[in-house]
């Protein structure tokens, strides 16, 4: 399966770092990626889910290689009607300020 994506220039990075880089925006309606389409760029990045083996294989066939990893963590909280929370009131403000101040200390 060919990878289908639009190639979008990373304009800020290109100006700031003086490079010619782009990012892939995947979509079923995008054109198939080709070596020729990628040839004009010095660096092209793509974010691909680790379990998307078909897309990873297609990109590897075009010469892509893993250079950096990113992890998204998700937690499904247990279902409960009682979340143990209630709206704060004016009398809670002093304690909330204390807690907020502690959150940003080392």
PDB file of N, CA and C in Angstrom:
ATOM      1  N   UNK A   1       0.844  -1.177   0.000  1.00  0.00           N
ATOM      2  CA  UNK A   1       0.000   0.000   0.000  1.00  0.00           C
ATOM      3  C   UNK A   1       0.888   1.239   0.000  1.00  0.00           C
ATOM      4  N   UNK A   2       0.748   2.112  -0.975  1.00  0.00           N
ATOM      5  CA  UNK A   2       1.572   3.324  -0.983  1.00  0.00           C
ATOM      6  C   UNK A   2       1.097   4.309   0.084  1.00  0.00           C
ATOM      7  N   UNK A   3       2.038   5.056   0.630  1.00  0.00           N
ATOM      8  CA  UNK A   3       1.682   6.116   1.571  1.00  0.00           C
ATOM      9  C   UNK A   3       1.092   7.270   0.774  1.00  0.00           C
ATOM     10  N   UNK A   4      -0.006   7.818   1.251  1.00  0.00           N
ATOM     11  CA  UNK A   4      -0.648   8.959   0.593  1.00  0.00           C
ATOM     12  C   UNK A   4      -0.568  10.144   1.541  1.00  0.00           C
ATOM     13  N   UNK A   5       0.090  11.216   1.090  1.00  0.00           N
ATOM     14  CA  UNK A   5       0.248  12.387   1.951  1.00  0.00           C
ATOM     15  C   UNK A   5       0.580  13.620   1.136  1.00  0.00           C
ATOM     16  N   UNK A   6       0.178  14.747   1.670  1.00  0.00           N
ATOM     17  CA  UNK A   6       0.601  16.036   1.127  1.00  0.00           C
ATOM     18  C   UNK A   6       1.894  16.424   1.828  1.00  0.00           C
ATOM     19  N   UNK A   7       2.752  17.109   1.127  1.00  0.00           N
ATOM     20  CA  UNK A   7       4.022  17.575   1.694  1.00  0.00           C
ATOM     21  C   UNK A   7       3.878  19.068   1.959  1.00  0.00           C
ATOM     22  N   UNK A   8       3.967  19.449   3.235  1.00  0.00           N
ATOM     23  CA  UNK A   8       3.790  20.847   3.628  1.00  0.00           C
ATOM     24  C   UNK A   8       5.104  21.399   4.171  1.00  0.00           C
ATOM     25  N   UNK A   9       5.568  22.522   3.644  1.00  0.00           N
ATOM     26  CA  UNK A   9       6.815  23.103   4.153  1.00  0.00           C
ATOM     27  C   UNK A   9       6.662  23.563   5.600  1.00  0.00           C
ATOM     28  N   UNK A  10       7.720  23.402   6.361  1.00  0.00           N
ATOM     29  CA  UNK A  10       7.770  23.902   7.738  1.00  0.00           C
ATOM     30  C   UNK A  10       8.410  25.293   7.686  1.00  0.00           C
ATOM     31  N   UNK A  11       7.597  26.275   7.397  1.00  0.00           N
ATOM     32  CA  UNK A  11       8.106  27.601   7.066  1.00  0.00           C
ATOM     33  C   UNK A  11       8.916  28.244   8.183  1.00  0.00           C
ATOM     34  N   UNK A  12       8.406  28.194   9.417  1.00  0.00           N
ATOM     35  CA  UNK A  12       9.140  28.828  10.517  1.00  0.00           C
ATOM     36  C   UNK A  12      10.498  28.161  10.698  1.00  0.00           C
ATOM     37  N   UNK A  13      10.522  26.821  10.759  1.00  0.00           N
ATOM     38  CA  UNK A  13      11.774  26.095  10.931  1.00  0.00           C
ATOM     39  C   UNK A  13      12.738  26.390   9.789  1.00  0.00           C
ATOM     40  N   UNK A  14      12.212  26.452   8.583  1.00  0.00           N
ATOM     41  CA  UNK A  14      13.064  26.715   7.426  1.00  0.00           C
ATOM     42  C   UNK A  14      13.721  28.089   7.522  1.00  0.00           C
ATOM     43  N   UNK A  15      12.951  29.096   7.921  1.00  0.00           N
ATOM     44  CA  UNK A  15      13.534  30.438   8.072  1.00  0.00           C
ATOM     45  C   UNK A  15      14.520  30.479   9.236  1.00  0.00           C
ATOM     46  N   UNK A  16      14.124  29.947  10.380  1.00  0.00           N
ATOM     47  CA  UNK A  16      14.943  30.056  11.589  1.00  0.00           C
ATOM     48  C   UNK A  16      16.240  29.254  11.480  1.00  0.00           C
ATOM     49  N   UNK A  17      16.146  28.020  10.993  1.00  0.00           N
ATOM     50  CA  UNK A  17      17.315  27.143  10.937  1.00  0.00           C
ATOM     51  C   UNK A  17      18.018  27.162   9.581  1.00  0.00           C
ATOM     52  N   UNK A  18      17.424  27.812   8.606  1.00  0.00           N
ATOM     53  CA  UNK A  18      18.033  27.858   7.281  1.00  0.00           C
ATOM     54  C   UNK A  18      18.077  26.503   6.600  1.00  0.00           C
ATOM     55  N   UNK A  19      17.008  25.729   6.770  1.00  0.00           N
ATOM     56  CA  UNK A  19      16.933  24.400   6.150  1.00  0.00           C
ATOM     57  C   UNK A  19      15.754  24.376   5.177  1.00  0.00           C
ATOM     58  N   UNK A  20      15.601  23.274   4.501  1.00  0.00           N
ATOM     59  CA  UNK A  20      14.508  23.088   3.560  1.00  0.00           C
ATOM     60  C   UNK A  20      13.744  21.837   3.988  1.00  0.00           C
ATOM     61  N   UNK A  21      12.887  21.991   5.017  1.00  0.00           N
ATOM     62  CA  UNK A  21      12.220  20.823   5.574  1.00  0.00           C
ATOM     63  C   UNK A  21      10.707  20.923   5.429  1.00  0.00           C
ATOM     64  N   UNK A  22      10.075  19.759   5.535  1.00  0.00           N
ATOM     65  CA  UNK A  22       8.621  19.669   5.362  1.00  0.00           C
ATOM     66  C   UNK A  22       8.075  18.589   6.287  1.00  0.00           C
ATOM     67  N   UNK A  23       6.760  18.560   6.383  1.00  0.00           N
ATOM     68  CA  UNK A  23       6.077  17.535   7.165  1.00  0.00           C
ATOM     69  C   UNK A  23       5.024  16.877   6.276  1.00  0.00           C
ATOM     70  N   UNK A  24       4.790  15.609   6.494  1.00  0.00           N
ATOM     71  CA  UNK A  24       3.766  14.888   5.740  1.00  0.00           C
ATOM     72  C   UNK A  24       2.434  15.007   6.463  1.00  0.00           C
ATOM     73  N   UNK A  25       1.388  15.288   5.700  1.00  0.00           N
ATOM     74  CA  UNK A  25       0.015  15.303   6.213  1.00  0.00           C
ATOM     75  C   UNK A  25      -0.727  14.191   5.483  1.00  0.00           C
ATOM     76  N   UNK A  26      -0.948  13.092   6.195  1.00  0.00           N
ATOM     77  CA  UNK A  26      -1.543  11.906   5.588  1.00  0.00           C
ATOM     78  C   UNK A  26      -3.037  12.098   5.337  1.00  0.00           C
ATOM     79  N   UNK A  27      -3.505  11.504   4.255  1.00  0.00           N
ATOM     80  CA  UNK A  27      -4.928  11.544   3.938  1.00  0.00           C
ATOM     81  C   UNK A  27      -5.233  10.639   2.764  1.00  0.00           C
ATOM     82  N   UNK A  28      -6.404  10.033   2.798  1.00  0.00           N
ATOM     83  CA  UNK A  28      -6.804   9.132   1.711  1.00  0.00           C
ATOM     84  C   UNK A  28      -6.946   9.865   0.383  1.00  0.00           C
ATOM     85  N   UNK A  29      -7.247  11.168   0.442  1.00  0.00           N
ATOM     86  CA  UNK A  29      -7.413  11.942  -0.785  1.00  0.00           C
ATOM     87  C   UNK A  29      -6.113  12.601  -1.243  1.00  0.00           C
ATOM     88  N   UNK A  30      -5.034  12.396  -0.494  1.00  0.00           N
ATOM     89  CA  UNK A  30      -3.732  12.972  -0.862  1.00  0.00           C
ATOM     90  C   UNK A  30      -3.076  12.116  -1.944  1.00  0.00           C
ATOM     91  N   UNK A  31      -2.139  12.701  -2.679  1.00  0.00           N
ATOM     92  CA  UNK A  31      -1.460  11.917  -3.716  1.00  0.00           C
ATOM     93  C   UNK A  31      -0.509  10.889  -3.109  1.00  0.00           C
ATOM     94  N   UNK A  32      -0.236   9.821  -3.839  1.00  0.00           N
ATOM     95  CA  UNK A  32       0.752   8.853  -3.356  1.00  0.00           C
ATOM     96  C   UNK A  32       2.124   9.521  -3.268  1.00  0.00           C
ATOM     97  N   UNK A  33       2.853   9.208  -2.213  1.00  0.00           N
ATOM     98  CA  UNK A  33       4.207   9.748  -2.070  1.00  0.00           C
ATOM     99  C   UNK A  33       5.148   9.037  -3.024  1.00  0.00           C
ATOM    100  N   UNK A  34       6.056   9.798  -3.576  1.00  0.00           N
ATOM    101  CA  UNK A  34       7.065   9.223  -4.468  1.00  0.00           C
ATOM    102  C   UNK A  34       8.429   9.769  -4.088  1.00  0.00           C
ATOM    103  N   UNK A  35       9.456   9.061  -4.495  1.00  0.00           N
ATOM    104  CA  UNK A  35      10.825   9.524  -4.279  1.00  0.00           C
ATOM    105  C   UNK A  35      11.017  10.876  -4.962  1.00  0.00           C
ATOM    106  N   UNK A  36      10.424  11.045  -6.133  1.00  0.00           N
ATOM    107  CA  UNK A  36      10.562  12.303  -6.870  1.00  0.00           C
ATOM    108  C   UNK A  36       9.936  13.468  -6.095  1.00  0.00           C
ATOM    109  N   UNK A  37       8.782  13.250  -5.486  1.00  0.00           N
ATOM    110  CA  UNK A  37       8.122  14.316  -4.729  1.00  0.00           C
ATOM    111  C   UNK A  37       8.929  14.714  -3.498  1.00  0.00           C
ATOM    112  N   UNK A  38       9.663  13.757  -2.938  1.00  0.00           N
ATOM    113  CA  UNK A  38      10.458  14.021  -1.734  1.00  0.00           C
ATOM    114  C   UNK A  38      11.832  14.593  -2.052  1.00  0.00           C
ATOM    115  N   UNK A  39      12.262  14.481  -3.297  1.00  0.00           N
ATOM    116  CA  UNK A  39      13.636  14.822  -3.671  1.00  0.00           C
ATOM    117  C   UNK A  39      13.995  16.283  -3.434  1.00  0.00           C
ATOM    118  N   UNK A  40      13.037  17.185  -3.479  1.00  0.00           N
ATOM    119  CA  UNK A  40      13.335  18.599  -3.317  1.00  0.00           C
ATOM    120  C   UNK A  40      13.539  19.053  -1.888  1.00  0.00           C
ATOM    121  N   UNK A  41      13.397  18.157  -0.945  1.00  0.00           N
ATOM    122  CA  UNK A  41      13.479  18.512   0.471  1.00  0.00           C
ATOM    123  C   UNK A  41      14.736  17.927   1.099  1.00  0.00           C
ATOM    124  N   UNK A  42      15.380  18.697   1.969  1.00  0.00           N
ATOM    125  CA  UNK A  42      16.550  18.166   2.672  1.00  0.00           C
ATOM    126  C   UNK A  42      16.135  17.322   3.872  1.00  0.00           C
ATOM    127  N   UNK A  43      14.922  17.567   4.379  1.00  0.00           N
ATOM    128  CA  UNK A  43      14.430  16.821   5.544  1.00  0.00           C
ATOM    129  C   UNK A  43      12.908  16.806   5.487  1.00  0.00           C
ATOM    130  N   UNK A  44      12.321  15.621   5.679  1.00  0.00           N
ATOM    131  CA  UNK A  44      10.863  15.488   5.715  1.00  0.00           C
ATOM    132  C   UNK A  44      10.510  14.667   6.941  1.00  0.00           C
ATOM    133  N   UNK A  45       9.569  15.170   7.733  1.00  0.00           N
ATOM    134  CA  UNK A  45       9.168  14.439   8.931  1.00  0.00           C
ATOM    135  C   UNK A  45       7.734  13.945   8.809  1.00  0.00           C
ATOM    136  N   UNK A  46       7.454  12.885   9.565  1.00  0.00           N
ATOM    137  CA  UNK A  46       6.118  12.301   9.574  1.00  0.00           C
ATOM    138  C   UNK A  46       5.854  11.739  10.955  1.00  0.00           C
ATOM    139  N   UNK A  47       4.631  11.884  11.419  1.00  0.00           N
ATOM    140  CA  UNK A  47       4.222  11.263  12.676  1.00  0.00           C
ATOM    141  C   UNK A  47       3.318  10.095  12.325  1.00  0.00           C
ATOM    142  N   UNK A  48       3.728   8.916  12.767  1.00  0.00           N
ATOM    143  CA  UNK A  48       3.014   7.689  12.426  1.00  0.00           C
ATOM    144  C   UNK A  48       2.831   6.870  13.697  1.00  0.00           C
ATOM    145  N   UNK A  49       1.636   6.363  13.905  1.00  0.00           N
ATOM    146  CA  UNK A  49       1.374   5.505  15.059  1.00  0.00           C
ATOM    147  C   UNK A  49       2.197   4.226  14.954  1.00  0.00           C
ATOM    148  N   UNK A  50       2.686   3.754  16.083  1.00  0.00           N
ATOM    149  CA  UNK A  50       3.549   2.572  16.100  1.00  0.00           C
ATOM    150  C   UNK A  50       2.850   1.331  15.557  1.00  0.00           C
ATOM    151  N   UNK A  51       1.523   1.277  15.665  1.00  0.00           N
ATOM    152  CA  UNK A  51       0.810   0.088  15.185  1.00  0.00           C
ATOM    153  C   UNK A  51       0.349   0.212  13.727  1.00  0.00           C
ATOM    154  N   UNK A  52       0.745   1.282  13.057  1.00  0.00           N
ATOM    155  CA  UNK A  52       0.389   1.472  11.646  1.00  0.00           C
ATOM    156  C   UNK A  52       1.504   0.896  10.769  1.00  0.00           C
ATOM    157  N   UNK A  53       1.614  -0.430  10.793  1.00  0.00           N
ATOM    158  CA  UNK A  53       2.721  -1.118  10.122  1.00  0.00           C
ATOM    159  C   UNK A  53       2.735  -0.868   8.614  1.00  0.00           C
ATOM    160  N   UNK A  54       1.576  -0.807   7.990  1.00  0.00           N
ATOM    161  CA  UNK A  54       1.534  -0.602   6.534  1.00  0.00           C
ATOM    162  C   UNK A  54       2.130   0.752   6.160  1.00  0.00           C
ATOM    163  N   UNK A  55       1.770   1.791   6.909  1.00  0.00           N
ATOM    164  CA  UNK A  55       2.306   3.121   6.609  1.00  0.00           C
ATOM    165  C   UNK A  55       3.799   3.174   6.917  1.00  0.00           C
ATOM    166  N   UNK A  56       4.213   2.568   8.012  1.00  0.00           N
ATOM    167  CA  UNK A  56       5.643   2.538   8.353  1.00  0.00           C
ATOM    168  C   UNK A  56       6.441   1.818   7.271  1.00  0.00           C
ATOM    169  N   UNK A  57       5.920   0.698   6.786  1.00  0.00           N
ATOM    170  CA  UNK A  57       6.601  -0.044   5.719  1.00  0.00           C
ATOM    171  C   UNK A  57       6.695   0.788   4.440  1.00  0.00           C
ATOM    172  N   UNK A  58       5.602   1.481   4.103  1.00  0.00           N
ATOM    173  CA  UNK A  58       5.598   2.300   2.887  1.00  0.00           C
ATOM    174  C   UNK A  58       6.621   3.429   2.990  1.00  0.00           C
ATOM    175  N   UNK A  59       6.710   4.059   4.159  1.00  0.00           N
ATOM    176  CA  UNK A  59       7.688   5.137   4.336  1.00  0.00           C
ATOM    177  C   UNK A  59       9.113   4.598   4.314  1.00  0.00           C
ATOM    178  N   UNK A  60       9.324   3.446   4.932  1.00  0.00           N
ATOM    179  CA  UNK A  60      10.659   2.851   4.915  1.00  0.00           C
ATOM    180  C   UNK A  60      11.082   2.532   3.481  1.00  0.00           C
ATOM    181  N   UNK A  61      10.151   2.086   2.664  1.00  0.00           N
ATOM    182  CA  UNK A  61      10.466   1.786   1.261  1.00  0.00           C
ATOM    183  C   UNK A  61      10.869   3.046   0.493  1.00  0.00           C
ATOM    184  N   UNK A  62      10.430   4.212   0.985  1.00  0.00           N
ATOM    185  CA  UNK A  62      10.797   5.487   0.355  1.00  0.00           C
ATOM    186  C   UNK A  62      12.084   6.073   0.934  1.00  0.00           C
ATOM    187  N   UNK A  63      12.686   5.360   1.896  1.00  0.00           N
ATOM    188  CA  UNK A  63      13.950   5.821   2.466  1.00  0.00           C
ATOM    189  C   UNK A  63      13.846   6.467   3.834  1.00  0.00           C
ATOM    190  N   UNK A  64      12.641   6.519   4.406  1.00  0.00           N
ATOM    191  CA  UNK A  64      12.501   7.087   5.747  1.00  0.00           C
ATOM    192  C   UNK A  64      13.123   6.152   6.771  1.00  0.00           C
ATOM    193  N   UNK A  65      13.601   6.744   7.869  1.00  0.00           N
ATOM    194  CA  UNK A  65      14.104   5.943   8.987  1.00  0.00           C
ATOM    195  C   UNK A  65      13.723   6.640  10.285  1.00  0.00           C
ATOM    196  N   UNK A  66      13.598   5.862  11.338  1.00  0.00           N
ATOM    197  CA  UNK A  66      13.226   6.397  12.643  1.00  0.00           C
ATOM    198  C   UNK A  66      14.379   7.210  13.214  1.00  0.00           C
ATOM    199  N   UNK A  67      14.100   8.437  13.598  1.00  0.00           N
ATOM    200  CA  UNK A  67      15.135   9.269  14.211  1.00  0.00           C
ATOM    201  C   UNK A  67      14.709   9.785  15.576  1.00  0.00           C
ATOM    202  N   UNK A  68      13.450   9.674  15.905  1.00  0.00           N
ATOM    203  CA  UNK A  68      12.958  10.216  17.165  1.00  0.00           C
ATOM    204  C   UNK A  68      11.665   9.504  17.510  1.00  0.00           C
ATOM    205  N   UNK A  69      11.424   9.327  18.765  1.00  0.00           N
ATOM    206  CA  UNK A  69      10.182   8.699  19.190  1.00  0.00           C
ATOM    207  C   UNK A  69       9.358   9.642  20.039  1.00  0.00           C
ATOM    208  N   UNK A  70       8.073   9.441  20.016  1.00  0.00           N
ATOM    209  CA  UNK A  70       7.142  10.235  20.810  1.00  0.00           C
ATOM    210  C   UNK A  70       6.117   9.270  21.374  1.00  0.00           C
ATOM    211  N   UNK A  71       5.716   9.492  22.598  1.00  0.00           N
ATOM    212  CA  UNK A  71       4.777   8.585  23.238  1.00  0.00           C
ATOM    213  C   UNK A  71       3.543   9.358  23.682  1.00  0.00           C
ATOM    214  N   UNK A  72       2.374   8.845  23.374  1.00  0.00           N
ATOM    215  CA  UNK A  72       1.117   9.364  23.896  1.00  0.00           C
ATOM    216  C   UNK A  72       0.595   8.337  24.885  1.00  0.00           C
ATOM    217  N   UNK A  73       0.367   8.762  26.107  1.00  0.00           N
ATOM    218  CA  UNK A  73      -0.165   7.869  27.124  1.00  0.00           C
ATOM    219  C   UNK A  73      -1.639   8.177  27.333  1.00  0.00           C
ATOM    220  N   UNK A  74      -2.434   7.138  27.516  1.00  0.00           N
ATOM    221  CA  UNK A  74      -3.865   7.318  27.742  1.00  0.00           C
ATOM    222  C   UNK A  74      -4.289   6.435  28.900  1.00  0.00           C
ATOM    223  N   UNK A  75      -5.184   6.934  29.700  1.00  0.00           N
ATOM    224  CA  UNK A  75      -5.694   6.190  30.837  1.00  0.00           C
ATOM    225  C   UNK A  75      -7.204   6.300  30.830  1.00  0.00           C
ATOM    226  N   UNK A  76      -7.862   5.164  30.867  1.00  0.00           N
ATOM    227  CA  UNK A  76      -9.317   5.169  30.963  1.00  0.00           C
ATOM    228  C   UNK A  76      -9.687   5.081  32.436  1.00  0.00           C
ATOM    229  N   UNK A  77     -10.235   6.147  32.991  1.00  0.00           N
ATOM    230  CA  UNK A  77     -10.583   6.105  34.415  1.00  0.00           C
ATOM    231  C   UNK A  77     -11.727   5.133  34.662  1.00  0.00           C
ATOM    232  N   UNK A  78     -11.745   4.587  35.844  1.00  0.00           N
ATOM    233  CA  UNK A  78     -12.814   3.665  36.214  1.00  0.00           C
ATOM    234  C   UNK A  78     -14.138   4.422  36.217  1.00  0.00           C
ATOM    235  N   UNK A  79     -15.167   3.770  35.736  1.00  0.00           N
ATOM    236  CA  UNK A  79     -16.486   4.400  35.696  1.00  0.00           C
ATOM    237  C   UNK A  79     -17.032   4.524  37.111  1.00  0.00           C
ATOM    238  N   UNK A  80     -17.482   5.729  37.444  1.00  0.00           N
ATOM    239  CA  UNK A  80     -18.051   5.964  38.760  1.00  0.00           C
ATOM    240  C   UNK A  80     -18.920   7.204  38.696  1.00  0.00           C
ATOM    241  N   UNK A  81     -20.047   7.139  39.364  1.00  0.00           N
ATOM    242  CA  UNK A  81     -20.906   8.320  39.420  1.00  0.00           C
ATOM    243  C   UNK A  81     -20.377   9.338  40.416  1.00  0.00           C
ATOM    244  N   UNK A  82     -19.617   8.891  41.414  1.00  0.00           N
ATOM    245  CA  UNK A  82     -19.079   9.788  42.436  1.00  0.00           C
ATOM    246  C   UNK A  82     -17.619  10.079  42.115  1.00  0.00           C
ATOM    247  N   UNK A  83     -17.360  11.254  41.575  1.00  0.00           N
ATOM    248  CA  UNK A  83     -15.982  11.605  41.232  1.00  0.00           C
ATOM    249  C   UNK A  83     -15.248  12.243  42.401  1.00  0.00           C
ATOM    250  N   UNK A  84     -15.934  12.480  43.506  1.00  0.00           N
ATOM    251  CA  UNK A  84     -15.280  13.020  44.696  1.00  0.00           C
ATOM    252  C   UNK A  84     -14.847  14.461  44.543  1.00  0.00           C
ATOM    253  N   UNK A  85     -15.477  15.183  43.659  1.00  0.00           N
ATOM    254  CA  UNK A  85     -15.117  16.585  43.452  1.00  0.00           C
ATOM    255  C   UNK A  85     -16.369  17.441  43.522  1.00  0.00           C
ATOM    256  N   UNK A  86     -16.160  18.683  43.896  1.00  0.00           N
ATOM    257  CA  UNK A  86     -17.260  19.640  43.935  1.00  0.00           C
ATOM    258  C   UNK A  86     -16.715  21.006  43.567  1.00  0.00           C
ATOM    259  N   UNK A  87     -17.542  21.893  43.091  1.00  0.00           N
ATOM    260  CA  UNK A  87     -17.055  23.230  42.725  1.00  0.00           C
ATOM    261  C   UNK A  87     -16.484  23.953  43.941  1.00  0.00           C
ATOM    262  N   UNK A  88     -15.403  24.683  43.711  1.00  0.00           N
ATOM    263  CA  UNK A  88     -14.812  25.484  44.781  1.00  0.00           C
ATOM    264  C   UNK A  88     -15.697  26.694  45.053  1.00  0.00           C
ATOM    265  N   UNK A  89     -15.610  27.154  46.274  1.00  0.00           N
ATOM    266  CA  UNK A  89     -16.336  28.370  46.655  1.00  0.00           C
ATOM    267  C   UNK A  89     -15.331  29.409  47.121  1.00  0.00           C
ATOM    268  N   UNK A  90     -15.817  30.577  47.440  1.00  0.00           N
ATOM    269  CA  UNK A  90     -14.940  31.675  47.840  1.00  0.00           C
ATOM    270  C   UNK A  90     -14.098  31.320  49.069  1.00  0.00           C
ATOM    271  N   UNK A  91     -14.646  30.535  49.975  1.00  0.00           N
ATOM    272  CA  UNK A  91     -13.880  30.169  51.178  1.00  0.00           C
ATOM    273  C   UNK A  91     -12.720  29.234  50.848  1.00  0.00           C
ATOM    274  N   UNK A  92     -12.735  28.599  49.677  1.00  0.00           N
ATOM    275  CA  UNK A  92     -11.661  27.691  49.272  1.00  0.00           C
ATOM    276  C   UNK A  92     -10.458  28.418  48.670  1.00  0.00           C
ATOM    277  N   UNK A  93     -10.608  29.685  48.328  1.00  0.00           N
ATOM    278  CA  UNK A  93      -9.555  30.404  47.604  1.00  0.00           C
ATOM    279  C   UNK A  93      -8.217  30.422  48.339  1.00  0.00           C
ATOM    280  N   UNK A  94      -8.146  30.721  49.631  1.00  0.00           N
ATOM    281  CA  UNK A  94      -6.826  30.719  50.284  1.00  0.00           C
ATOM    282  C   UNK A  94      -6.105  29.370  50.173  1.00  0.00           C
ATOM    283  N   UNK A  95      -6.809  28.281  50.384  1.00  0.00           N
ATOM    284  CA  UNK A  95      -6.178  26.958  50.306  1.00  0.00           C
ATOM    285  C   UNK A  95      -5.786  26.628  48.869  1.00  0.00           C
ATOM    286  N   UNK A  96      -6.603  27.006  47.911  1.00  0.00           N
ATOM    287  CA  UNK A  96      -6.262  26.771  46.507  1.00  0.00           C
ATOM    288  C   UNK A  96      -5.010  27.546  46.115  1.00  0.00           C
ATOM    289  N   UNK A  97      -4.863  28.759  46.638  1.00  0.00           N
ATOM    290  CA  UNK A  97      -3.645  29.536  46.365  1.00  0.00           C
ATOM    291  C   UNK A  97      -2.419  28.839  46.948  1.00  0.00           C
ATOM    292  N   UNK A  98      -2.557  28.304  48.154  1.00  0.00           N
ATOM    293  CA  UNK A  98      -1.443  27.565  48.774  1.00  0.00           C
ATOM    294  C   UNK A  98      -1.058  26.363  47.916  1.00  0.00           C
ATOM    295  N   UNK A  99      -2.047  25.616  47.501  1.00  0.00           N
ATOM    296  CA  UNK A  99      -1.776  24.424  46.687  1.00  0.00           C
ATOM    297  C   UNK A  99      -1.144  24.797  45.350  1.00  0.00           C
ATOM    298  N   UNK A 100      -1.622  25.875  44.731  1.00  0.00           N
ATOM    299  CA  UNK A 100      -1.051  26.311  43.460  1.00  0.00           C
ATOM    300  C   UNK A 100       0.397  26.741  43.639  1.00  0.00           C
ATOM    301  N   UNK A 101       0.698  27.435  44.731  1.00  0.00           N
ATOM    302  CA  UNK A 101       2.074  27.871  44.983  1.00  0.00           C
ATOM    303  C   UNK A 101       2.994  26.669  45.173  1.00  0.00           C
ATOM    304  N   UNK A 102       2.507  25.635  45.827  1.00  0.00           N
ATOM    305  CA  UNK A 102       3.319  24.430  46.041  1.00  0.00           C
ATOM    306  C   UNK A 102       3.550  23.663  44.743  1.00  0.00           C
ATOM    307  N   UNK A 103       2.620  23.766  43.826  1.00  0.00           N
ATOM    308  CA  UNK A 103       2.736  23.018  42.569  1.00  0.00           C
ATOM    309  C   UNK A 103       3.911  23.483  41.726  1.00  0.00           C
ATOM    310  N   UNK A 104       4.368  24.710  41.929  1.00  0.00           N
ATOM    311  CA  UNK A 104       5.432  25.259  41.093  1.00  0.00           C
ATOM    312  C   UNK A 104       6.731  25.470  41.858  1.00  0.00           C
ATOM    313  N   UNK A 105       6.889  24.785  42.982  1.00  0.00           N
ATOM    314  CA  UNK A 105       8.158  24.832  43.717  1.00  0.00           C
ATOM    315  C   UNK A 105       8.881  23.518  43.521  1.00  0.00           C
ATOM    316  N   UNK A 106      10.183  23.553  43.747  1.00  0.00           N
ATOM    317  CA  UNK A 106      10.962  22.322  43.564  1.00  0.00           C
ATOM    318  C   UNK A 106      11.323  21.709  44.880  1.00  0.00           C
TER     319      UNK A 106
END
